[in-house]
């Protein structure tokens, strides 16, 4: 049972309704914290972190503390934290308005090279 639980945790990405960023850390530090929780090796973590920050338009602000981020920037960083370990199962759009939901799914489609689900 414990082995199955650990395997499931490797497959899923969690994006809470509220942002899950630590306000005392920078964007990079938040991402590294989550990457370390998923036991990503340093090279993979750095590669995924940099790619996701670039795609989400946060690379210029990545070394700023969270207190300097807007609400939208925090939400984008939360989404990156969801995707940092390249989850096989994810549903980050719960609770989003239809326009934002479509934008997130378009981004995820591009990121994963998959076909987008229909709504």
PDB file of N, CA and C in Angstrom:
ATOM      1  N   UNK A   1       0.823  -1.199   0.000  1.00  0.00           N
ATOM      2  CA  UNK A   1       0.000   0.000   0.000  1.00  0.00           C
ATOM      3  C   UNK A   1       0.861   1.255   0.000  1.00  0.00           C
ATOM      4  N   UNK A   2       1.909   1.285   0.811  1.00  0.00           N
ATOM      5  CA  UNK A   2       2.770   2.448   0.893  1.00  0.00           C
ATOM      6  C   UNK A   2       3.529   2.657  -0.416  1.00  0.00           C
ATOM      7  N   UNK A   3       3.947   1.571  -1.063  1.00  0.00           N
ATOM      8  CA  UNK A   3       4.646   1.667  -2.344  1.00  0.00           C
ATOM      9  C   UNK A   3       3.719   2.232  -3.416  1.00  0.00           C
ATOM     10  N   UNK A   4       2.463   1.791  -3.425  1.00  0.00           N
ATOM     11  CA  UNK A   4       1.482   2.301  -4.387  1.00  0.00           C
ATOM     12  C   UNK A   4       1.232   3.784  -4.162  1.00  0.00           C
ATOM     13  N   UNK A   5       1.151   4.191  -2.909  1.00  0.00           N
ATOM     14  CA  UNK A   5       0.938   5.594  -2.578  1.00  0.00           C
ATOM     15  C   UNK A   5       2.094   6.450  -3.075  1.00  0.00           C
ATOM     16  N   UNK A   6       3.320   5.980  -2.891  1.00  0.00           N
ATOM     17  CA  UNK A   6       4.491   6.721  -3.358  1.00  0.00           C
ATOM     18  C   UNK A   6       4.489   6.824  -4.879  1.00  0.00           C
ATOM     19  N   UNK A   7       4.114   5.752  -5.564  1.00  0.00           N
ATOM     20  CA  UNK A   7       4.080   5.754  -7.038  1.00  0.00           C
ATOM     21  C   UNK A   7       3.015   6.720  -7.553  1.00  0.00           C
ATOM     22  N   UNK A   8       1.873   6.758  -6.912  1.00  0.00           N
ATOM     23  CA  UNK A   8       0.799   7.670  -7.323  1.00  0.00           C
ATOM     24  C   UNK A   8       1.252   9.114  -7.168  1.00  0.00           C
ATOM     25  N   UNK A   9       1.938   9.429  -6.079  1.00  0.00           N
ATOM     26  CA  UNK A   9       2.425  10.791  -5.852  1.00  0.00           C
ATOM     27  C   UNK A   9       3.393  11.241  -6.944  1.00  0.00           C
ATOM     28  N   UNK A  10       4.125  10.295  -7.533  1.00  0.00           N
ATOM     29  CA  UNK A  10       5.044  10.627  -8.627  1.00  0.00           C
ATOM     30  C   UNK A  10       4.295  11.006  -9.896  1.00  0.00           C
ATOM     31  N   UNK A  11       3.065  10.521 -10.047  1.00  0.00           N
ATOM     32  CA  UNK A  11       2.305  10.706 -11.282  1.00  0.00           C
ATOM     33  C   UNK A  11       1.435  11.954 -11.310  1.00  0.00           C
ATOM     34  N   UNK A  12       1.093  12.487 -10.154  1.00  0.00           N
ATOM     35  CA  UNK A  12       0.113  13.569 -10.135  1.00  0.00           C
ATOM     36  C   UNK A  12       0.761  14.932  -9.904  1.00  0.00           C
ATOM     37  N   UNK A  13       0.079  15.946 -10.375  1.00  0.00           N
ATOM     38  CA  UNK A  13       0.458  17.324 -10.099  1.00  0.00           C
ATOM     39  C   UNK A  13      -0.679  17.980  -9.344  1.00  0.00           C
ATOM     40  N   UNK A  14      -0.380  18.719  -8.323  1.00  0.00           N
ATOM     41  CA  UNK A  14      -1.413  19.347  -7.502  1.00  0.00           C
ATOM     42  C   UNK A  14      -1.280  20.862  -7.609  1.00  0.00           C
ATOM     43  N   UNK A  15      -2.383  21.506  -7.956  1.00  0.00           N
ATOM     44  CA  UNK A  15      -2.413  22.958  -8.041  1.00  0.00           C
ATOM     45  C   UNK A  15      -3.585  23.433  -7.188  1.00  0.00           C
ATOM     46  N   UNK A  16      -3.317  23.823  -5.950  1.00  0.00           N
ATOM     47  CA  UNK A  16      -4.407  24.216  -5.057  1.00  0.00           C
ATOM     48  C   UNK A  16      -5.148  25.466  -5.534  1.00  0.00           C
ATOM     49  N   UNK A  17      -6.367  25.625  -5.064  1.00  0.00           N
ATOM     50  CA  UNK A  17      -7.178  26.793  -5.400  1.00  0.00           C
ATOM     51  C   UNK A  17      -6.456  28.082  -5.007  1.00  0.00           C
ATOM     52  N   UNK A  18      -5.894  28.097  -3.811  1.00  0.00           N
ATOM     53  CA  UNK A  18      -5.109  29.246  -3.347  1.00  0.00           C
ATOM     54  C   UNK A  18      -3.650  29.017  -3.728  1.00  0.00           C
ATOM     55  N   UNK A  19      -2.919  30.094  -3.940  1.00  0.00           N
ATOM     56  CA  UNK A  19      -1.517  29.937  -4.281  1.00  0.00           C
ATOM     57  C   UNK A  19      -0.765  29.298  -3.118  1.00  0.00           C
ATOM     58  N   UNK A  20       0.174  28.427  -3.450  1.00  0.00           N
ATOM     59  CA  UNK A  20       0.906  27.674  -2.433  1.00  0.00           C
ATOM     60  C   UNK A  20       2.354  28.140  -2.319  1.00  0.00           C
ATOM     61  N   UNK A  21       2.606  29.368  -2.706  1.00  0.00           N
ATOM     62  CA  UNK A  21       3.977  29.873  -2.667  1.00  0.00           C
ATOM     63  C   UNK A  21       4.345  30.333  -1.259  1.00  0.00           C
ATOM     64  N   UNK A  22       5.621  30.202  -0.934  1.00  0.00           N
ATOM     65  CA  UNK A  22       6.116  30.692   0.348  1.00  0.00           C
ATOM     66  C   UNK A  22       6.481  32.159   0.165  1.00  0.00           C
ATOM     67  N   UNK A  23       5.852  33.075   0.890  1.00  0.00           N
ATOM     68  CA  UNK A  23       6.070  34.504   0.669  1.00  0.00           C
ATOM     69  C   UNK A  23       7.483  34.985   1.017  1.00  0.00           C
ATOM     70  N   UNK A  24       8.224  34.191   1.770  1.00  0.00           N
ATOM     71  CA  UNK A  24       9.570  34.601   2.184  1.00  0.00           C
ATOM     72  C   UNK A  24      10.657  34.139   1.209  1.00  0.00           C
ATOM     73  N   UNK A  25      10.257  33.362   0.199  1.00  0.00           N
ATOM     74  CA  UNK A  25      11.209  32.841  -0.779  1.00  0.00           C
ATOM     75  C   UNK A  25      11.058  33.564  -2.114  1.00  0.00           C
ATOM     76  N   UNK A  26      12.062  33.427  -2.961  1.00  0.00           N
ATOM     77  CA  UNK A  26      11.969  33.942  -4.335  1.00  0.00           C
ATOM     78  C   UNK A  26      11.235  32.905  -5.188  1.00  0.00           C
ATOM     79  N   UNK A  27      10.927  33.276  -6.409  1.00  0.00           N
ATOM     80  CA  UNK A  27      10.312  32.327  -7.336  1.00  0.00           C
ATOM     81  C   UNK A  27      11.176  31.092  -7.526  1.00  0.00           C
ATOM     82  N   UNK A  28      12.470  31.310  -7.760  1.00  0.00           N
ATOM     83  CA  UNK A  28      13.407  30.192  -7.950  1.00  0.00           C
ATOM     84  C   UNK A  28      13.443  29.312  -6.702  1.00  0.00           C
ATOM     85  N   UNK A  29      13.510  29.918  -5.537  1.00  0.00           N
ATOM     86  CA  UNK A  29      13.581  29.140  -4.296  1.00  0.00           C
ATOM     87  C   UNK A  29      12.313  28.316  -4.080  1.00  0.00           C
ATOM     88  N   UNK A  30      11.150  28.875  -4.412  1.00  0.00           N
ATOM     89  CA  UNK A  30       9.903  28.116  -4.313  1.00  0.00           C
ATOM     90  C   UNK A  30       9.936  26.902  -5.229  1.00  0.00           C
ATOM     91  N   UNK A  31      10.401  27.102  -6.456  1.00  0.00           N
ATOM     92  CA  UNK A  31      10.459  25.995  -7.417  1.00  0.00           C
ATOM     93  C   UNK A  31      11.464  24.936  -6.977  1.00  0.00           C
ATOM     94  N   UNK A  32      12.589  25.368  -6.453  1.00  0.00           N
ATOM     95  CA  UNK A  32      13.581  24.405  -5.992  1.00  0.00           C
ATOM     96  C   UNK A  32      13.068  23.627  -4.784  1.00  0.00           C
ATOM     97  N   UNK A  33      12.312  24.281  -3.915  1.00  0.00           N
ATOM     98  CA  UNK A  33      11.710  23.592  -2.780  1.00  0.00           C
ATOM     99  C   UNK A  33      10.802  22.463  -3.271  1.00  0.00           C
ATOM    100  N   UNK A  34       9.913  22.774  -4.216  1.00  0.00           N
ATOM    101  CA  UNK A  34       9.004  21.751  -4.734  1.00  0.00           C
ATOM    102  C   UNK A  34       9.754  20.675  -5.497  1.00  0.00           C
ATOM    103  N   UNK A  35      10.741  21.061  -6.284  1.00  0.00           N
ATOM    104  CA  UNK A  35      11.540  20.065  -7.005  1.00  0.00           C
ATOM    105  C   UNK A  35      12.247  19.121  -6.058  1.00  0.00           C
ATOM    106  N   UNK A  36      12.745  19.650  -4.952  1.00  0.00           N
ATOM    107  CA  UNK A  36      13.400  18.803  -3.951  1.00  0.00           C
ATOM    108  C   UNK A  36      12.399  17.883  -3.260  1.00  0.00           C
ATOM    109  N   UNK A  37      11.178  18.364  -3.039  1.00  0.00           N
ATOM    110  CA  UNK A  37      10.147  17.504  -2.448  1.00  0.00           C
ATOM    111  C   UNK A  37       9.837  16.315  -3.357  1.00  0.00           C
ATOM    112  N   UNK A  38       9.938  16.531  -4.662  1.00  0.00           N
ATOM    113  CA  UNK A  38       9.729  15.455  -5.635  1.00  0.00           C
ATOM    114  C   UNK A  38      11.012  14.687  -5.925  1.00  0.00           C
ATOM    115  N   UNK A  39      12.091  15.009  -5.222  1.00  0.00           N
ATOM    116  CA  UNK A  39      13.382  14.320  -5.351  1.00  0.00           C
ATOM    117  C   UNK A  39      13.944  14.391  -6.769  1.00  0.00           C
ATOM    118  N   UNK A  40      13.734  15.530  -7.436  1.00  0.00           N
ATOM    119  CA  UNK A  40      14.324  15.712  -8.764  1.00  0.00           C
ATOM    120  C   UNK A  40      15.827  15.930  -8.617  1.00  0.00           C
ATOM    121  N   UNK A  41      16.599  15.353  -9.523  1.00  0.00           N
ATOM    122  CA  UNK A  41      18.032  15.613  -9.458  1.00  0.00           C
ATOM    123  C   UNK A  41      18.278  17.063  -9.881  1.00  0.00           C
ATOM    124  N   UNK A  42      19.393  17.605  -9.454  1.00  0.00           N
ATOM    125  CA  UNK A  42      19.705  19.025  -9.624  1.00  0.00           C
ATOM    126  C   UNK A  42      19.633  19.470 -11.087  1.00  0.00           C
ATOM    127  N   UNK A  43      20.170  18.670 -11.982  1.00  0.00           N
ATOM    128  CA  UNK A  43      20.196  19.015 -13.402  1.00  0.00           C
ATOM    129  C   UNK A  43      18.784  19.069 -13.993  1.00  0.00           C
ATOM    130  N   UNK A  44      17.980  18.046 -13.699  1.00  0.00           N
ATOM    131  CA  UNK A  44      16.605  18.007 -14.199  1.00  0.00           C
ATOM    132  C   UNK A  44      15.803  19.166 -13.637  1.00  0.00           C
ATOM    133  N   UNK A  45      15.964  19.418 -12.353  1.00  0.00           N
ATOM    134  CA  UNK A  45      15.241  20.513 -11.708  1.00  0.00           C
ATOM    135  C   UNK A  45      15.593  21.846 -12.359  1.00  0.00           C
ATOM    136  N   UNK A  46      16.849  22.098 -12.568  1.00  0.00           N
ATOM    137  CA  UNK A  46      17.286  23.356 -13.182  1.00  0.00           C
ATOM    138  C   UNK A  46      16.726  23.491 -14.609  1.00  0.00           C
ATOM    139  N   UNK A  47      16.789  22.417 -15.364  1.00  0.00           N
ATOM    140  CA  UNK A  47      16.284  22.434 -16.749  1.00  0.00           C
ATOM    141  C   UNK A  47      14.780  22.703 -16.792  1.00  0.00           C
ATOM    142  N   UNK A  48      14.010  21.971 -15.986  1.00  0.00           N
ATOM    143  CA  UNK A  48      12.550  22.143 -15.949  1.00  0.00           C
ATOM    144  C   UNK A  48      12.203  23.533 -15.434  1.00  0.00           C
ATOM    145  N   UNK A  49      12.860  23.960 -14.370  1.00  0.00           N
ATOM    146  CA  UNK A  49      12.610  25.277 -13.775  1.00  0.00           C
ATOM    147  C   UNK A  49      12.807  26.384 -14.803  1.00  0.00           C
ATOM    148  N   UNK A  50      13.931  26.379 -15.473  1.00  0.00           N
ATOM    149  CA  UNK A  50      14.236  27.439 -16.434  1.00  0.00           C
ATOM    150  C   UNK A  50      13.276  27.425 -17.612  1.00  0.00           C
ATOM    151  N   UNK A  51      12.940  26.241 -18.117  1.00  0.00           N
ATOM    152  CA  UNK A  51      12.026  26.130 -19.245  1.00  0.00           C
ATOM    153  C   UNK A  51      10.631  26.629 -18.877  1.00  0.00           C
ATOM    154  N   UNK A  52      10.139  26.223 -17.712  1.00  0.00           N
ATOM    155  CA  UNK A  52       8.796  26.631 -17.292  1.00  0.00           C
ATOM    156  C   UNK A  52       8.729  28.120 -16.965  1.00  0.00           C
ATOM    157  N   UNK A  53       9.743  28.655 -16.326  1.00  0.00           N
ATOM    158  CA  UNK A  53       9.772  30.097 -16.054  1.00  0.00           C
ATOM    159  C   UNK A  53       9.739  30.893 -17.358  1.00  0.00           C
ATOM    160  N   UNK A  54      10.488  30.442 -18.340  1.00  0.00           N
ATOM    161  CA  UNK A  54      10.508  31.113 -19.656  1.00  0.00           C
ATOM    162  C   UNK A  54       9.125  31.045 -20.306  1.00  0.00           C
ATOM    163  N   UNK A  55       8.540  29.851 -20.352  1.00  0.00           N
ATOM    164  CA  UNK A  55       7.235  29.673 -21.009  1.00  0.00           C
ATOM    165  C   UNK A  55       6.126  30.473 -20.330  1.00  0.00           C
ATOM    166  N   UNK A  56       6.221  30.631 -19.011  1.00  0.00           N
ATOM    167  CA  UNK A  56       5.182  31.352 -18.270  1.00  0.00           C
ATOM    168  C   UNK A  56       5.510  32.838 -18.112  1.00  0.00           C
ATOM    169  N   UNK A  57       6.610  33.291 -18.717  1.00  0.00           N
ATOM    170  CA  UNK A  57       6.949  34.709 -18.692  1.00  0.00           C
ATOM    171  C   UNK A  57       7.399  35.229 -17.334  1.00  0.00           C
ATOM    172  N   UNK A  58       7.984  34.361 -16.518  1.00  0.00           N
ATOM    173  CA  UNK A  58       8.426  34.778 -15.187  1.00  0.00           C
ATOM    174  C   UNK A  58       9.948  34.756 -15.024  1.00  0.00           C
ATOM    175  N   UNK A  59      10.668  34.473 -16.089  1.00  0.00           N
ATOM    176  CA  UNK A  59      12.117  34.344 -15.957  1.00  0.00           C
ATOM    177  C   UNK A  59      12.780  35.635 -15.490  1.00  0.00           C
ATOM    178  N   UNK A  60      12.259  36.793 -15.873  1.00  0.00           N
ATOM    179  CA  UNK A  60      12.853  38.067 -15.451  1.00  0.00           C
ATOM    180  C   UNK A  60      12.616  38.362 -13.972  1.00  0.00           C
ATOM    181  N   UNK A  61      11.573  37.761 -13.411  1.00  0.00           N
ATOM    182  CA  UNK A  61      11.195  38.027 -12.021  1.00  0.00           C
ATOM    183  C   UNK A  61      11.524  36.869 -11.082  1.00  0.00           C
ATOM    184  N   UNK A  62      12.171  35.849 -11.577  1.00  0.00           N
ATOM    185  CA  UNK A  62      12.369  34.607 -10.825  1.00  0.00           C
ATOM    186  C   UNK A  62      13.167  34.773  -9.537  1.00  0.00           C
ATOM    187  N   UNK A  63      14.008  35.787  -9.456  1.00  0.00           N
ATOM    188  CA  UNK A  63      14.838  35.958  -8.260  1.00  0.00           C
ATOM    189  C   UNK A  63      14.270  37.002  -7.293  1.00  0.00           C
ATOM    190  N   UNK A  64      13.048  37.456  -7.585  1.00  0.00           N
ATOM    191  CA  UNK A  64      12.372  38.401  -6.696  1.00  0.00           C
ATOM    192  C   UNK A  64      11.606  37.641  -5.626  1.00  0.00           C
ATOM    193  N   UNK A  65      11.483  38.248  -4.454  1.00  0.00           N
ATOM    194  CA  UNK A  65      10.682  37.663  -3.377  1.00  0.00           C
ATOM    195  C   UNK A  65       9.203  37.687  -3.771  1.00  0.00           C
ATOM    196  N   UNK A  66       8.449  36.757  -3.229  1.00  0.00           N
ATOM    197  CA  UNK A  66       7.027  36.633  -3.540  1.00  0.00           C
ATOM    198  C   UNK A  66       6.236  37.890  -3.195  1.00  0.00           C
ATOM    199  N   UNK A  67       6.679  38.638  -2.202  1.00  0.00           N
ATOM    200  CA  UNK A  67       5.959  39.856  -1.812  1.00  0.00           C
ATOM    201  C   UNK A  67       5.943  40.881  -2.939  1.00  0.00           C
ATOM    202  N   UNK A  68       6.837  40.737  -3.913  1.00  0.00           N
ATOM    203  CA  UNK A  68       6.899  41.654  -5.061  1.00  0.00           C
ATOM    204  C   UNK A  68       6.074  41.160  -6.243  1.00  0.00           C
ATOM    205  N   UNK A  69       5.532  39.944  -6.159  1.00  0.00           N
ATOM    206  CA  UNK A  69       4.756  39.358  -7.251  1.00  0.00           C
ATOM    207  C   UNK A  69       3.298  39.839  -7.186  1.00  0.00           C
ATOM    208  N   UNK A  70       2.694  40.023  -8.335  1.00  0.00           N
ATOM    209  CA  UNK A  70       1.253  40.296  -8.397  1.00  0.00           C
ATOM    210  C   UNK A  70       0.506  38.983  -8.157  1.00  0.00           C
ATOM    211  N   UNK A  71      -0.792  39.085  -7.965  1.00  0.00           N
ATOM    212  CA  UNK A  71      -1.605  37.878  -7.781  1.00  0.00           C
ATOM    213  C   UNK A  71      -1.508  36.934  -8.969  1.00  0.00           C
ATOM    214  N   UNK A  72      -1.537  37.486 -10.178  1.00  0.00           N
ATOM    215  CA  UNK A  72      -1.433  36.657 -11.382  1.00  0.00           C
ATOM    216  C   UNK A  72      -0.076  35.978 -11.501  1.00  0.00           C
ATOM    217  N   UNK A  73       0.965  36.677 -11.114  1.00  0.00           N
ATOM    218  CA  UNK A  73       2.309  36.096 -11.149  1.00  0.00           C
ATOM    219  C   UNK A  73       2.413  34.935 -10.153  1.00  0.00           C
ATOM    220  N   UNK A  74       1.804  35.093  -8.981  1.00  0.00           N
ATOM    221  CA  UNK A  74       1.814  34.018  -7.987  1.00  0.00           C
ATOM    222  C   UNK A  74       1.057  32.805  -8.508  1.00  0.00           C
ATOM    223  N   UNK A  75      -0.040  33.053  -9.195  1.00  0.00           N
ATOM    224  CA  UNK A  75      -0.832  31.941  -9.751  1.00  0.00           C
ATOM    225  C   UNK A  75      -0.037  31.206 -10.826  1.00  0.00           C
ATOM    226  N   UNK A  76       0.682  31.952 -11.673  1.00  0.00           N
ATOM    227  CA  UNK A  76       1.519  31.314 -12.698  1.00  0.00           C
ATOM    228  C   UNK A  76       2.640  30.499 -12.055  1.00  0.00           C
ATOM    229  N   UNK A  77       3.232  31.024 -10.991  1.00  0.00           N
ATOM    230  CA  UNK A  77       4.276  30.272 -10.305  1.00  0.00           C
ATOM    231  C   UNK A  77       3.697  29.008  -9.668  1.00  0.00           C
ATOM    232  N   UNK A  78       2.490  29.101  -9.129  1.00  0.00           N
ATOM    233  CA  UNK A  78       1.833  27.910  -8.568  1.00  0.00           C
ATOM    234  C   UNK A  78       1.633  26.850  -9.647  1.00  0.00           C
ATOM    235  N   UNK A  79       1.265  27.279 -10.839  1.00  0.00           N
ATOM    236  CA  UNK A  79       1.098  26.333 -11.939  1.00  0.00           C
ATOM    237  C   UNK A  79       2.432  25.682 -12.298  1.00  0.00           C
ATOM    238  N   UNK A  80       3.501  26.468 -12.326  1.00  0.00           N
ATOM    239  CA  UNK A  80       4.827  25.910 -12.598  1.00  0.00           C
ATOM    240  C   UNK A  80       5.194  24.893 -11.513  1.00  0.00           C
ATOM    241  N   UNK A  81       4.878  25.202 -10.260  1.00  0.00           N
ATOM    242  CA  UNK A  81       5.166  24.275  -9.167  1.00  0.00           C
ATOM    243  C   UNK A  81       4.412  22.962  -9.375  1.00  0.00           C
ATOM    244  N   UNK A  82       3.221  23.033  -9.950  1.00  0.00           N
ATOM    245  CA  UNK A  82       2.444  21.839 -10.264  1.00  0.00           C
ATOM    246  C   UNK A  82       3.131  20.999 -11.328  1.00  0.00           C
ATOM    247  N   UNK A  83       3.752  21.661 -12.286  1.00  0.00           N
ATOM    248  CA  UNK A  83       4.326  20.971 -13.442  1.00  0.00           C
ATOM    249  C   UNK A  83       5.813  20.646 -13.297  1.00  0.00           C
ATOM    250  N   UNK A  84       6.452  21.058 -12.222  1.00  0.00           N
ATOM    251  CA  UNK A  84       7.902  20.950 -12.099  1.00  0.00           C
ATOM    252  C   UNK A  84       8.402  19.512 -12.227  1.00  0.00           C
ATOM    253  N   UNK A  85       7.659  18.536 -11.747  1.00  0.00           N
ATOM    254  CA  UNK A  85       8.121  17.154 -11.825  1.00  0.00           C
ATOM    255  C   UNK A  85       7.558  16.429 -13.038  1.00  0.00           C
ATOM    256  N   UNK A  86       6.933  17.165 -13.981  1.00  0.00           N
ATOM    257  CA  UNK A  86       6.378  16.591 -15.206  1.00  0.00           C
ATOM    258  C   UNK A  86       5.346  15.513 -14.890  1.00  0.00           C
ATOM    259  N   UNK A  87       4.258  15.903 -14.227  1.00  0.00           N
ATOM    260  CA  UNK A  87       3.251  14.917 -13.818  1.00  0.00           C
ATOM    261  C   UNK A  87       2.554  14.274 -15.003  1.00  0.00           C
ATOM    262  N   UNK A  88       2.141  13.040 -14.813  1.00  0.00           N
ATOM    263  CA  UNK A  88       1.392  12.324 -15.834  1.00  0.00           C
ATOM    264  C   UNK A  88      -0.100  12.640 -15.746  1.00  0.00           C
ATOM    265  N   UNK A  89      -0.546  13.016 -14.553  1.00  0.00           N
ATOM    266  CA  UNK A  89      -1.951  13.315 -14.302  1.00  0.00           C
ATOM    267  C   UNK A  89      -2.010  14.697 -13.663  1.00  0.00           C
ATOM    268  N   UNK A  90      -2.776  15.601 -14.276  1.00  0.00           N
ATOM    269  CA  UNK A  90      -2.909  16.918 -13.680  1.00  0.00           C
ATOM    270  C   UNK A  90      -4.222  17.557 -14.111  1.00  0.00           C
ATOM    271  N   UNK A  91      -4.782  18.382 -13.262  1.00  0.00           N
ATOM    272  CA  UNK A  91      -5.996  19.149 -13.546  1.00  0.00           C
ATOM    273  C   UNK A  91      -5.862  20.480 -12.842  1.00  0.00           C
ATOM    274  N   UNK A  92      -5.080  21.377 -13.430  1.00  0.00           N
ATOM    275  CA  UNK A  92      -4.833  22.652 -12.774  1.00  0.00           C
ATOM    276  C   UNK A  92      -5.897  23.711 -13.021  1.00  0.00           C
ATOM    277  N   UNK A  93      -6.946  23.390 -13.786  1.00  0.00           N
ATOM    278  CA  UNK A  93      -7.882  24.437 -14.182  1.00  0.00           C
ATOM    279  C   UNK A  93      -9.163  24.471 -13.356  1.00  0.00           C
ATOM    280  N   UNK A  94      -9.269  23.648 -12.342  1.00  0.00           N
ATOM    281  CA  UNK A  94     -10.467  23.673 -11.499  1.00  0.00           C
ATOM    282  C   UNK A  94     -10.615  25.055 -10.867  1.00  0.00           C
ATOM    283  N   UNK A  95     -11.783  25.614 -10.978  1.00  0.00           N
ATOM    284  CA  UNK A  95     -12.058  26.908 -10.375  1.00  0.00           C
ATOM    285  C   UNK A  95     -11.652  28.110 -11.210  1.00  0.00           C
ATOM    286  N   UNK A  96     -11.139  27.882 -12.423  1.00  0.00           N
ATOM    287  CA  UNK A  96     -10.729  28.996 -13.286  1.00  0.00           C
ATOM    288  C   UNK A  96     -11.879  29.391 -14.220  1.00  0.00           C
ATOM    289  N   UNK A  97     -11.886  30.652 -14.611  1.00  0.00           N
ATOM    290  CA  UNK A  97     -12.889  31.074 -15.575  1.00  0.00           C
ATOM    291  C   UNK A  97     -12.555  30.450 -16.942  1.00  0.00           C
ATOM    292  N   UNK A  98     -13.531  30.366 -17.857  1.00  0.00           N
ATOM    293  CA  UNK A  98     -13.331  29.666 -19.137  1.00  0.00           C
ATOM    294  C   UNK A  98     -12.164  30.193 -19.971  1.00  0.00           C
ATOM    295  N   UNK A  99     -11.936  31.495 -20.000  1.00  0.00           N
ATOM    296  CA  UNK A  99     -10.834  32.032 -20.798  1.00  0.00           C
ATOM    297  C   UNK A  99      -9.480  31.600 -20.245  1.00  0.00           C
ATOM    298  N   UNK A 100      -9.319  31.695 -18.937  1.00  0.00           N
ATOM    299  CA  UNK A 100      -8.061  31.279 -18.326  1.00  0.00           C
ATOM    300  C   UNK A 100      -7.879  29.767 -18.462  1.00  0.00           C
ATOM    301  N   UNK A 101      -8.968  29.010 -18.303  1.00  0.00           N
ATOM    302  CA  UNK A 101      -8.904  27.551 -18.459  1.00  0.00           C
ATOM    303  C   UNK A 101      -8.388  27.184 -19.845  1.00  0.00           C
ATOM    304  N   UNK A 102      -8.911  27.829 -20.876  1.00  0.00           N
ATOM    305  CA  UNK A 102      -8.473  27.548 -22.247  1.00  0.00           C
ATOM    306  C   UNK A 102      -6.999  27.904 -22.422  1.00  0.00           C
ATOM    307  N   UNK A 103      -6.576  29.035 -21.870  1.00  0.00           N
ATOM    308  CA  UNK A 103      -5.174  29.454 -21.981  1.00  0.00           C
ATOM    309  C   UNK A 103      -4.248  28.450 -21.290  1.00  0.00           C
ATOM    310  N   UNK A 104      -4.651  27.971 -20.118  1.00  0.00           N
ATOM    311  CA  UNK A 104      -3.828  26.999 -19.399  1.00  0.00           C
ATOM    312  C   UNK A 104      -3.747  25.692 -20.183  1.00  0.00           C
ATOM    313  N   UNK A 105      -4.883  25.221 -20.703  1.00  0.00           N
ATOM    314  CA  UNK A 105      -4.852  23.976 -21.472  1.00  0.00           C
ATOM    315  C   UNK A 105      -4.047  24.135 -22.759  1.00  0.00           C
ATOM    316  N   UNK A 106      -4.119  25.292 -23.395  1.00  0.00           N
ATOM    317  CA  UNK A 106      -3.280  25.534 -24.579  1.00  0.00           C
ATOM    318  C   UNK A 106      -1.807  25.452 -24.209  1.00  0.00           C
ATOM    319  N   UNK A 107      -1.445  26.060 -23.084  1.00  0.00           N
ATOM    320  CA  UNK A 107      -0.065  26.018 -22.613  1.00  0.00           C
ATOM    321  C   UNK A 107       0.364  24.584 -22.327  1.00  0.00           C
ATOM    322  N   UNK A 108      -0.471  23.840 -21.627  1.00  0.00           N
ATOM    323  CA  UNK A 108      -0.122  22.465 -21.283  1.00  0.00           C
ATOM    324  C   UNK A 108      -0.038  21.581 -22.524  1.00  0.00           C
ATOM    325  N   UNK A 109      -0.902  21.839 -23.490  1.00  0.00           N
ATOM    326  CA  UNK A 109      -0.857  21.097 -24.745  1.00  0.00           C
ATOM    327  C   UNK A 109       0.474  21.329 -25.443  1.00  0.00           C
ATOM    328  N   UNK A 110       0.872  22.574 -25.525  1.00  0.00           N
ATOM    329  CA  UNK A 110       2.158  22.904 -26.133  1.00  0.00           C
ATOM    330  C   UNK A 110       3.302  22.276 -25.355  1.00  0.00           C
ATOM    331  N   UNK A 111       3.250  22.357 -24.058  1.00  0.00           N
ATOM    332  CA  UNK A 111       4.300  21.839 -23.200  1.00  0.00           C
ATOM    333  C   UNK A 111       4.461  20.333 -23.350  1.00  0.00           C
ATOM    334  N   UNK A 112       3.362  19.619 -23.390  1.00  0.00           N
ATOM    335  CA  UNK A 112       3.410  18.162 -23.427  1.00  0.00           C
ATOM    336  C   UNK A 112       3.300  17.592 -24.839  1.00  0.00           C
ATOM    337  N   UNK A 113       3.008  18.437 -25.843  1.00  0.00           N
ATOM    338  CA  UNK A 113       2.896  17.952 -27.202  1.00  0.00           C
ATOM    339  C   UNK A 113       1.720  17.020 -27.406  1.00  0.00           C
ATOM    340  N   UNK A 114       0.617  17.290 -26.738  1.00  0.00           N
ATOM    341  CA  UNK A 114      -0.567  16.436 -26.796  1.00  0.00           C
ATOM    342  C   UNK A 114      -1.716  17.193 -27.469  1.00  0.00           C
ATOM    343  N   UNK A 115      -2.802  16.468 -27.728  1.00  0.00           N
ATOM    344  CA  UNK A 115      -4.007  17.109 -28.216  1.00  0.00           C
ATOM    345  C   UNK A 115      -4.767  17.666 -27.030  1.00  0.00           C
ATOM    346  N   UNK A 116      -5.407  18.799 -27.214  1.00  0.00           N
ATOM    347  CA  UNK A 116      -6.117  19.477 -26.134  1.00  0.00           C
ATOM    348  C   UNK A 116      -7.494  18.855 -25.935  1.00  0.00           C
ATOM    349  N   UNK A 117      -7.944  18.701 -24.700  1.00  0.00           N
ATOM    350  CA  UNK A 117      -9.283  18.185 -24.463  1.00  0.00           C
ATOM    351  C   UNK A 117     -10.325  19.199 -24.895  1.00  0.00           C
ATOM    352  N   UNK A 118     -11.495  18.724 -25.259  1.00  0.00           N
ATOM    353  CA  UNK A 118     -12.575  19.644 -25.635  1.00  0.00           C
ATOM    354  C   UNK A 118     -13.402  19.959 -24.400  1.00  0.00           C
ATOM    355  N   UNK A 119     -13.933  21.169 -24.361  1.00  0.00           N
ATOM    356  CA  UNK A 119     -14.759  21.596 -23.223  1.00  0.00           C
ATOM    357  C   UNK A 119     -16.168  21.796 -23.681  1.00  0.00           C
TER     358      UNK A 119
END
